[in-house]
Amino acid sequence: MSAPGLTRPDLTTHSQTDKAFGVAPCTYLDVLALDADLTAFEKSLPPQYELLVDGRNRVQFASPPSLTEMRAALVHFSLSAEFVRLHRPFLGESLFSAPPRGDGLDWRARC
């Protein structure tokens, strides 16, 4: 059962998979649109699913972690995996086909 007011993550990722890895070819602009959808979903999570980080950018859990903290970690881990999976074909292409630039553009802008 999902939390109230949330889209089920499995339906979101199924939709992402169909659009990005379906029969029809996908452009990087399509990938950026799907990335924006995932980012919007991540930002729509309730405050209970925010992961608290310390000054060294490490996640802070209670000892022992609560069930909500474990669920939040799993949701964020799954979202991170989807971001990597979504960008992977284009990231490899960008890293190996484009010469390094010193113009300050990140890898998303180079694709």
Protein backbone atom coordinates (compact mmCIF):
# COMPACT_ATOMS: atom_id res chain seq x y z
CA MET A 1 0.00 0.00 0.00
CA SER A 2 1.43 3.40 -0.93
CA ALA A 3 1.45 6.56 1.16
CA PRO A 4 -1.52 8.89 0.72
CA GLY A 5 -1.21 11.34 -2.12
CA LEU A 6 1.73 9.61 -3.82
CA THR A 7 1.94 8.04 -7.22
CA ARG A 8 3.06 4.45 -6.95
CA PRO A 9 6.80 4.38 -7.74
CA ASP A 10 6.53 1.11 -9.64
CA LEU A 11 3.99 2.66 -12.03
CA THR A 12 6.19 5.72 -12.45
CA THR A 13 9.28 3.66 -13.29
CA HIS A 14 7.26 1.38 -15.58
CA SER A 15 6.13 4.44 -17.52
CA GLN A 16 9.72 5.74 -17.62
CA THR A 17 10.99 2.40 -18.89
CA ASP A 18 8.37 2.25 -21.65
CA LYS A 19 9.21 5.75 -22.86
CA ALA A 20 13.00 5.50 -22.61
CA PHE A 21 13.62 1.90 -23.64
CA GLY A 22 10.62 1.06 -25.80
CA VAL A 23 10.61 0.15 -29.48
CA ALA A 24 10.66 3.77 -30.66
CA PRO A 25 14.04 5.50 -30.40
CA CYS A 26 14.47 8.00 -27.59
CA THR A 27 16.34 11.30 -27.91
CA TYR A 28 18.25 12.96 -25.11
CA LEU A 29 15.58 15.65 -24.93
CA ASP A 30 13.12 12.84 -24.12
CA VAL A 31 15.50 11.60 -21.42
CA LEU A 32 15.71 15.10 -19.93
CA ALA A 33 11.90 15.27 -19.84
CA LEU A 34 11.78 11.90 -18.06
CA ASP A 35 14.50 13.12 -15.70
CA ALA A 36 12.30 16.14 -14.87
CA ASP A 37 9.38 13.78 -14.16
CA LEU A 38 11.52 11.73 -11.75
CA THR A 39 12.80 14.90 -10.08
CA ALA A 40 9.23 16.17 -9.67
CA PHE A 41 8.23 12.84 -8.13
CA GLU A 42 11.20 13.00 -5.74
CA LYS A 43 10.25 16.55 -4.70
CA SER A 44 6.62 15.48 -4.15
CA LEU A 45 7.60 12.99 -1.46
CA PRO A 46 6.26 13.88 1.99
CA PRO A 47 8.67 15.31 4.57
CA GLN A 48 8.90 11.93 6.34
CA TYR A 49 10.78 10.63 3.28
CA GLU A 50 13.46 13.33 3.29
CA LEU A 51 16.86 12.00 4.26
CA LEU A 52 18.75 14.16 6.75
CA VAL A 53 22.41 14.69 5.90
CA ASP A 54 25.28 16.00 8.01
CA GLY A 55 28.00 18.50 7.08
CA ARG A 56 29.93 15.82 5.21
CA ASN A 57 26.91 14.93 3.07
CA ARG A 58 26.27 11.63 4.86
CA VAL A 59 22.77 10.42 5.66
CA GLN A 60 21.93 10.47 9.36
CA PHE A 61 19.72 7.71 10.76
CA ALA A 62 18.46 7.08 14.27
CA SER A 63 19.95 4.13 16.06
CA PRO A 64 18.32 1.76 15.25
CA PRO A 65 16.82 3.21 12.05
CA SER A 66 13.06 3.54 12.06
CA LEU A 67 10.88 1.78 9.51
CA THR A 68 10.13 5.15 7.88
CA GLU A 69 13.87 5.90 7.57
CA MET A 70 14.47 2.51 5.98
CA ARG A 71 11.61 3.06 3.54
CA ALA A 72 12.92 6.55 2.70
CA ALA A 73 16.39 5.14 2.04
CA LEU A 74 14.93 2.47 -0.23
CA VAL A 75 12.84 5.02 -2.17
CA HIS A 76 15.88 7.28 -2.68
CA PHE A 77 18.10 4.35 -3.63
CA SER A 78 15.52 3.23 -6.20
CA LEU A 79 15.20 6.74 -7.62
CA SER A 80 18.98 7.04 -7.88
CA ALA A 81 19.13 3.75 -9.76
CA GLU A 82 16.44 5.00 -12.16
CA PHE A 83 18.34 8.25 -12.81
CA VAL A 84 21.52 6.30 -13.59
CA ARG A 85 19.66 3.79 -15.76
CA LEU A 86 17.88 6.55 -17.65
CA HIS A 87 21.07 8.49 -18.46
CA ARG A 88 23.44 5.54 -18.87
CA PRO A 89 23.30 5.18 -22.70
CA PHE A 90 23.92 8.88 -23.22
CA LEU A 91 26.46 9.23 -20.43
CA GLY A 92 28.69 6.60 -22.01
CA GLU A 93 28.34 8.25 -25.39
CA SER A 94 29.19 11.65 -23.93
CA LEU A 95 32.21 10.41 -22.00
CA PHE A 96 33.80 8.48 -24.84
CA SER A 97 32.89 10.49 -27.93
CA ALA A 98 33.18 14.11 -26.81
CA PRO A 99 36.58 15.64 -26.15
CA PRO A 100 36.98 17.15 -22.68
CA ARG A 101 36.02 20.81 -22.56
CA GLY A 102 36.99 23.49 -20.13
CA ASP A 103 33.82 25.52 -20.69
CA GLY A 104 32.20 24.47 -17.39
CA LEU A 105 29.34 22.56 -19.04
CA ASP A 106 28.29 19.48 -17.14
CA TRP A 107 27.77 16.12 -18.81
CA ARG A 108 24.04 16.73 -19.32
CA ALA A 109 24.72 19.85 -21.35
CA ARG A 110 27.29 18.02 -23.51
CA CYS A 111 24.89 15.31 -24.67
